[in-house]
PDB file of all heavy atoms in Angstrom:
ATOM      1  N   ALA A   1      80.845  27.763 190.548  1.00  0.00           N
ATOM      2  CA  ALA A   1      81.228  26.497 191.110  1.00  0.00           C
ATOM      3  C   ALA A   1      81.195  26.521 192.639  1.00  0.00           C
ATOM      4  O   ALA A   1      80.722  25.598 193.283  1.00  0.00           O
ATOM      5  CB  ALA A   1      82.628  26.095 190.610  1.00  0.00           C
ATOM      6  N   ILE A   2      81.727  27.616 193.213  1.00  0.00           N
ATOM      7  CA  ILE A   2      81.759  27.700 194.687  1.00  0.00           C
ATOM      8  C   ILE A   2      80.354  27.847 195.253  1.00  0.00           C
ATOM      9  O   ILE A   2      79.991  27.215 196.239  1.00  0.00           O
ATOM     10  CB  ILE A   2      82.594  28.910 195.129  1.00  0.00           C
ATOM     11  CG1 ILE A   2      84.052  28.656 194.791  1.00  0.00           C
ATOM     12  CG2 ILE A   2      82.433  29.164 196.570  1.00  0.00           C
ATOM     13  CD1 ILE A   2      84.981  29.823 195.056  1.00  0.00           C
ATOM     14  N   ALA A   3      79.497  28.619 194.592  1.00  0.00           N
ATOM     15  CA  ALA A   3      78.131  28.746 195.030  1.00  0.00           C
ATOM     16  C   ALA A   3      77.379  27.443 194.984  1.00  0.00           C
ATOM     17  O   ALA A   3      76.603  27.089 195.835  1.00  0.00           O
ATOM     18  CB  ALA A   3      77.369  29.785 194.161  1.00  0.00           C
ATOM     19  N   ALA A   4      77.657  26.594 193.919  1.00  0.00           N
ATOM     20  CA  ALA A   4      77.071  25.288 193.828  1.00  0.00           C
ATOM     21  C   ALA A   4      77.516  24.390 194.934  1.00  0.00           C
ATOM     22  O   ALA A   4      76.792  23.589 195.524  1.00  0.00           O
ATOM     23  CB  ALA A   4      77.356  24.684 192.470  1.00  0.00           C
ATOM     24  N   MET A   5      78.812  24.432 195.281  1.00  0.00           N
ATOM     25  CA  MET A   5      79.341  23.644 196.353  1.00  0.00           C
ATOM     26  C   MET A   5      78.685  24.030 197.687  1.00  0.00           C
ATOM     27  O   MET A   5      78.314  23.155 198.513  1.00  0.00           O
ATOM     28  CB  MET A   5      80.889  23.778 196.461  1.00  0.00           C
ATOM     29  CG  MET A   5      81.591  23.137 195.328  1.00  0.00           C
ATOM     30  SD  MET A   5      83.429  23.354 195.499  1.00  0.00           S
ATOM     31  CE  MET A   5      84.039  22.420 194.075  1.00  0.00           C
ATOM     32  N   GLY A   6      78.574  25.289 197.892  1.00  0.00           N
ATOM     33  CA  GLY A   6      77.962  25.784 199.135  1.00  0.00           C
ATOM     34  C   GLY A   6      76.526  25.394 199.241  1.00  0.00           C
ATOM     35  O   GLY A   6      76.042  25.128 200.382  1.00  0.00           O
ATOM     36  N   ALA A   7      75.818  25.307 198.097  1.00  0.00           N
ATOM     37  CA  ALA A   7      74.446  24.865 198.114  1.00  0.00           C
ATOM     38  C   ALA A   7      74.316  23.451 198.673  1.00  0.00           C
ATOM     39  O   ALA A   7      73.289  23.084 199.283  1.00  0.00           O
ATOM     40  CB  ALA A   7      73.846  24.933 196.711  1.00  0.00           C
ATOM     41  N   GLU A   8      75.342  22.613 198.433  1.00  0.00           N
ATOM     42  CA  GLU A   8      75.311  21.272 198.987  1.00  0.00           C
ATOM     43  C   GLU A   8      75.379  21.242 200.519  1.00  0.00           C
ATOM     44  O   GLU A   8      74.896  20.350 201.201  1.00  0.00           O
ATOM     45  CB  GLU A   8      76.553  20.464 198.446  1.00  0.00           C
ATOM     46  CG  GLU A   8      76.487  20.247 196.917  1.00  0.00           C
ATOM     47  CD  GLU A   8      75.302  19.432 196.519  1.00  0.00           C
ATOM     48  OE1 GLU A   8      74.976  18.452 197.201  1.00  0.00           O
ATOM     49  OE2 GLU A   8      74.733  19.740 195.478  1.00  0.00           O
ATOM     50  N   PHE A   9      75.927  22.317 201.086  1.00  0.00           N
ATOM     51  CA  PHE A   9      75.963  22.498 202.519  1.00  0.00           C
ATOM     52  C   PHE A   9      74.767  23.229 203.066  1.00  0.00           C
ATOM     53  O   PHE A   9      74.590  23.388 204.291  1.00  0.00           O
ATOM     54  CB  PHE A   9      77.215  23.306 202.960  1.00  0.00           C
ATOM     55  CG  PHE A   9      78.512  22.644 202.653  1.00  0.00           C
ATOM     56  CD1 PHE A   9      79.657  23.398 202.336  1.00  0.00           C
ATOM     57  CD2 PHE A   9      78.656  21.266 202.708  1.00  0.00           C
ATOM     58  CE1 PHE A   9      80.872  22.764 202.087  1.00  0.00           C
ATOM     59  CE2 PHE A   9      79.875  20.628 202.443  1.00  0.00           C
ATOM     60  CZ  PHE A   9      80.983  21.403 202.106  1.00  0.00           C
ATOM     61  N   GLY A  10      73.865  23.675 202.142  1.00  0.00           N
ATOM     62  CA  GLY A  10      72.720  24.451 202.551  1.00  0.00           C
ATOM     63  C   GLY A  10      72.990  25.897 202.767  1.00  0.00           C
ATOM     64  O   GLY A  10      72.212  26.583 203.442  1.00  0.00           O
ATOM     65  N   TRP A  11      74.109  26.412 202.176  1.00  0.00           N
ATOM     66  CA  TRP A  11      74.452  27.823 202.326  1.00  0.00           C
ATOM     67  C   TRP A  11      74.004  28.643 201.175  1.00  0.00           C
ATOM     68  O   TRP A  11      73.993  28.180 200.038  1.00  0.00           O
ATOM     69  CB  TRP A  11      75.988  27.910 202.466  1.00  0.00           C
ATOM     70  CG  TRP A  11      76.559  27.381 203.686  1.00  0.00           C
ATOM     71  CD1 TRP A  11      75.897  26.999 204.806  1.00  0.00           C
ATOM     72  CD2 TRP A  11      77.956  27.132 203.989  1.00  0.00           C
ATOM     73  NE1 TRP A  11      76.777  26.540 205.795  1.00  0.00           N
ATOM     74  CE2 TRP A  11      78.037  26.597 205.290  1.00  0.00           C
ATOM     75  CE3 TRP A  11      79.119  27.320 203.223  1.00  0.00           C
ATOM     76  CZ2 TRP A  11      79.256  26.282 205.829  1.00  0.00           C
ATOM     77  CZ3 TRP A  11      80.340  27.046 203.816  1.00  0.00           C
ATOM     78  CH2 TRP A  11      80.384  26.506 205.127  1.00  0.00           C
ATOM     79  N   PRO A  12      73.629  29.895 201.421  1.00  0.00           N
ATOM     80  CA  PRO A  12      73.306  30.846 200.324  1.00  0.00           C
ATOM     81  C   PRO A  12      74.637  31.207 199.597  1.00  0.00           C
ATOM     82  O   PRO A  12      75.678  31.053 200.149  1.00  0.00           O
ATOM     83  CB  PRO A  12      72.678  32.046 201.007  1.00  0.00           C
ATOM     84  CG  PRO A  12      73.260  31.974 202.431  1.00  0.00           C
ATOM     85  CD  PRO A  12      73.408  30.549 202.774  1.00  0.00           C
ATOM     86  N   PRO A  13      74.532  31.732 198.338  1.00  0.00           N
ATOM     87  CA  PRO A  13      75.688  32.000 197.556  1.00  0.00           C
ATOM     88  C   PRO A  13      76.731  32.831 198.231  1.00  0.00           C
ATOM     89  O   PRO A  13      77.943  32.525 198.194  1.00  0.00           O
ATOM     90  CB  PRO A  13      75.140  32.603 196.297  1.00  0.00           C
ATOM     91  CG  PRO A  13      73.736  32.072 196.184  1.00  0.00           C
ATOM     92  CD  PRO A  13      73.273  31.950 197.586  1.00  0.00           C
ATOM     93  N   MET A  14      76.355  34.000 198.808  1.00  0.00           N
ATOM     94  CA  MET A  14      77.306  34.915 199.377  1.00  0.00           C
ATOM     95  C   MET A  14      78.072  34.317 200.562  1.00  0.00           C
ATOM     96  O   MET A  14      79.289  34.566 200.696  1.00  0.00           O
ATOM     97  CB  MET A  14      76.638  36.218 199.742  1.00  0.00           C
ATOM     98  CG  MET A  14      76.164  37.017 198.592  1.00  0.00           C
ATOM     99  SD  MET A  14      77.398  37.382 197.299  1.00  0.00           S
ATOM    100  CE  MET A  14      78.452  38.488 198.210  1.00  0.00           C
ATOM    101  N   ARG A  15      77.381  33.515 201.341  1.00  0.00           N
ATOM    102  CA  ARG A  15      78.129  32.886 202.433  1.00  0.00           C
ATOM    103  C   ARG A  15      79.105  31.835 201.903  1.00  0.00           C
ATOM    104  O   ARG A  15      80.231  31.725 202.428  1.00  0.00           O
ATOM    105  CB  ARG A  15      77.149  32.187 203.365  1.00  0.00           C
ATOM    106  CG  ARG A  15      77.863  31.438 204.526  1.00  0.00           C
ATOM    107  CD  ARG A  15      76.902  30.776 205.484  1.00  0.00           C
ATOM    108  NE  ARG A  15      77.623  30.042 206.520  1.00  0.00           N
ATOM    109  CZ  ARG A  15      76.998  29.321 207.439  1.00  0.00           C
ATOM    110  NH1 ARG A  15      75.646  29.273 207.517  1.00  0.00           N
ATOM    111  NH2 ARG A  15      77.739  28.651 208.355  1.00  0.00           N
ATOM    112  N   SER A  16      78.723  31.155 200.861  1.00  0.00           N
ATOM    113  CA  SER A  16      79.601  30.208 200.261  1.00  0.00           C
ATOM    114  C   SER A  16      80.898  30.839 199.734  1.00  0.00           C
ATOM    115  O   SER A  16      81.980  30.336 199.950  1.00  0.00           O
ATOM    116  CB  SER A  16      78.912  29.451 199.073  1.00  0.00           C
ATOM    117  OG  SER A  16      77.737  28.836 199.536  1.00  0.00           O
ATOM    118  N   LEU A  17      80.730  31.956 199.092  1.00  0.00           N
ATOM    119  CA  LEU A  17      81.855  32.703 198.528  1.00  0.00           C
ATOM    120  C   LEU A  17      82.802  33.253 199.602  1.00  0.00           C
ATOM    121  O   LEU A  17      84.010  33.383 199.378  1.00  0.00           O
ATOM    122  CB  LEU A  17      81.408  33.818 197.623  1.00  0.00           C
ATOM    123  CG  LEU A  17      80.641  33.354 196.330  1.00  0.00           C
ATOM    124  CD1 LEU A  17      79.952  34.510 195.682  1.00  0.00           C
ATOM    125  CD2 LEU A  17      81.596  32.661 195.380  1.00  0.00           C
ATOM    126  N   GLN A  18      82.252  33.530 200.754  1.00  0.00           N
ATOM    127  CA  GLN A  18      83.080  34.029 201.899  1.00  0.00           C
ATOM    128  C   GLN A  18      83.729  32.911 202.611  1.00  0.00           C
ATOM    129  O   GLN A  18      84.769  33.117 203.288  1.00  0.00           O
ATOM    130  CB  GLN A  18      82.192  34.831 202.871  1.00  0.00           C
ATOM    131  CG  GLN A  18      81.632  36.119 202.296  1.00  0.00           C
ATOM    132  CD  GLN A  18      82.691  37.176 202.061  1.00  0.00           C
ATOM    133  OE1 GLN A  18      83.745  37.126 202.671  1.00  0.00           O
ATOM    134  NE2 GLN A  18      82.375  38.116 201.212  1.00  0.00           N
ATOM    135  N   SER A  19      83.256  31.682 202.499  1.00  0.00           N
ATOM    136  CA  SER A  19      83.714  30.548 203.392  1.00  0.00           C
ATOM    137  C   SER A  19      84.495  29.521 202.627  1.00  0.00           C
ATOM    138  O   SER A  19      85.279  28.795 203.267  1.00  0.00           O
ATOM    139  CB  SER A  19      82.469  29.935 204.041  1.00  0.00           C
ATOM    140  OG  SER A  19      81.717  30.839 204.776  1.00  0.00           O
ATOM    141  N   ILE A  20      84.314  29.361 201.336  1.00  0.00           N
ATOM    142  CA  ILE A  20      84.889  28.239 200.571  1.00  0.00           C
ATOM    143  C   ILE A  20      86.004  28.736 199.673  1.00  0.00           C
ATOM    144  O   ILE A  20      85.825  29.716 198.952  1.00  0.00           O
ATOM    145  CB  ILE A  20      83.813  27.527 199.728  1.00  0.00           C
ATOM    146  CG1 ILE A  20      82.724  26.955 200.670  1.00  0.00           C
ATOM    147  CG2 ILE A  20      84.464  26.401 198.920  1.00  0.00           C
ATOM    148  CD1 ILE A  20      81.623  26.279 199.885  1.00  0.00           C
ATOM    149  N   TYR A  21      87.148  28.021 199.752  1.00  0.00           N
ATOM    150  CA  TYR A  21      88.215  28.270 198.808  1.00  0.00           C
ATOM    151  C   TYR A  21      88.426  27.013 197.977  1.00  0.00           C
ATOM    152  O   TYR A  21      88.186  25.910 198.474  1.00  0.00           O
ATOM    153  CB  TYR A  21      89.549  28.535 199.542  1.00  0.00           C
ATOM    154  CG  TYR A  21      89.659  29.937 200.157  1.00  0.00           C
ATOM    155  CD1 TYR A  21      88.952  30.252 201.301  1.00  0.00           C
ATOM    156  CD2 TYR A  21      90.510  30.903 199.596  1.00  0.00           C
ATOM    157  CE1 TYR A  21      89.053  31.492 201.890  1.00  0.00           C
ATOM    158  CE2 TYR A  21      90.616  32.141 200.148  1.00  0.00           C
ATOM    159  CZ  TYR A  21      89.868  32.446 201.310  1.00  0.00           C
ATOM    160  OH  TYR A  21      89.992  33.679 201.872  1.00  0.00           O
ATOM    161  N   LEU A  22      88.790  27.150 196.753  1.00  0.00           N
ATOM    162  CA  LEU A  22      89.018  26.011 195.907  1.00  0.00           C
ATOM    163  C   LEU A  22      90.573  25.813 195.782  1.00  0.00           C
ATOM    164  O   LEU A  22      91.301  26.711 195.429  1.00  0.00           O
ATOM    165  CB  LEU A  22      88.483  26.173 194.497  1.00  0.00           C
ATOM    166  CG  LEU A  22      86.900  26.165 194.386  1.00  0.00           C
ATOM    167  CD1 LEU A  22      86.494  26.357 192.943  1.00  0.00           C
ATOM    168  CD2 LEU A  22      86.328  24.895 194.954  1.00  0.00           C
ATOM    169  N   VAL A  23      90.993  24.549 196.047  1.00  0.00           N
ATOM    170  CA  VAL A  23      92.361  24.146 195.839  1.00  0.00           C
ATOM    171  C   VAL A  23      92.363  22.968 194.923  1.00  0.00           C
ATOM    172  O   VAL A  23      91.971  21.807 195.339  1.00  0.00           O
ATOM    173  CB  VAL A  23      93.070  23.851 197.175  1.00  0.00           C
ATOM    174  CG1 VAL A  23      94.529  23.407 196.937  1.00  0.00           C
ATOM    175  CG2 VAL A  23      93.042  25.033 198.110  1.00  0.00           C
ATOM    176  N   GLU A  24      92.818  23.108 193.704  1.00  0.00           N
ATOM    177  CA  GLU A  24      92.803  22.035 192.672  1.00  0.00           C
ATOM    178  C   GLU A  24      91.435  21.419 192.581  1.00  0.00           C
ATOM    179  O   GLU A  24      91.290  20.232 192.496  1.00  0.00           O
ATOM    180  CB  GLU A  24      93.869  21.033 193.040  1.00  0.00           C
ATOM    181  CG  GLU A  24      95.282  21.512 193.004  1.00  0.00           C
ATOM    182  CD  GLU A  24      96.309  20.530 193.307  1.00  0.00           C
ATOM    183  OE1 GLU A  24      95.953  19.360 193.575  1.00  0.00           O
ATOM    184  OE2 GLU A  24      97.488  20.801 193.233  1.00  0.00           O
ATOM    185  N   GLY A  25      90.420  22.262 192.625  1.00  0.00           N
ATOM    186  CA  GLY A  25      89.050  21.824 192.407  1.00  0.00           C
ATOM    187  C   GLY A  25      88.400  21.263 193.655  1.00  0.00           C
ATOM    188  O   GLY A  25      87.244  20.791 193.541  1.00  0.00           O
ATOM    189  N   ARG A  26      89.087  21.223 194.770  1.00  0.00           N
ATOM    190  CA  ARG A  26      88.502  20.632 195.989  1.00  0.00           C
ATOM    191  C   ARG A  26      88.213  21.752 197.001  1.00  0.00           C
ATOM    192  O   ARG A  26      88.984  22.734 197.158  1.00  0.00           O
ATOM    193  CB  ARG A  26      89.466  19.635 196.606  1.00  0.00           C
ATOM    194  CG  ARG A  26      89.837  18.553 195.658  1.00  0.00           C
ATOM    195  CD  ARG A  26      90.718  17.482 196.315  1.00  0.00           C
ATOM    196  NE  ARG A  26      90.043  16.763 197.364  1.00  0.00           N
ATOM    197  CZ  ARG A  26      90.605  15.786 198.015  1.00  0.00           C
ATOM    198  NH1 ARG A  26      91.858  15.413 197.706  1.00  0.00           N
ATOM    199  NH2 ARG A  26      89.982  15.130 198.912  1.00  0.00           N
ATOM    200  N   PRO A  27      87.103  21.684 197.722  1.00  0.00           N
ATOM    201  CA  PRO A  27      86.717  22.745 198.640  1.00  0.00           C
ATOM    202  C   PRO A  27      87.517  22.709 199.927  1.00  0.00           C
ATOM    203  O   PRO A  27      87.785  21.645 200.513  1.00  0.00           O
ATOM    204  CB  PRO A  27      85.241  22.411 198.919  1.00  0.00           C
ATOM    205  CG  PRO A  27      85.060  20.959 198.732  1.00  0.00           C
ATOM    206  CD  PRO A  27      86.044  20.633 197.627  1.00  0.00           C
ATOM    207  N   THR A  28      87.927  23.889 200.389  1.00  0.00           N
ATOM    208  CA  THR A  28      88.542  23.997 201.699  1.00  0.00           C
ATOM    209  C   THR A  28      87.758  25.098 202.467  1.00  0.00           C
ATOM    210  O   THR A  28      87.295  26.085 201.844  1.00  0.00           O
ATOM    211  CB  THR A  28      90.027  24.346 201.646  1.00  0.00           C
ATOM    212  OG1 THR A  28      90.165  25.682 201.050  1.00  0.00           O
ATOM    213  CG2 THR A  28      90.834  23.355 200.742  1.00  0.00           C
TER     214      THR A  28
END
């Protein structure tokens, strides 16, 4: 899910996992 959210920002999966946290299903 986080990798998919990061893809919307144009980020590769590993950057997404390092940058995005999920709080009740919403990205922070």
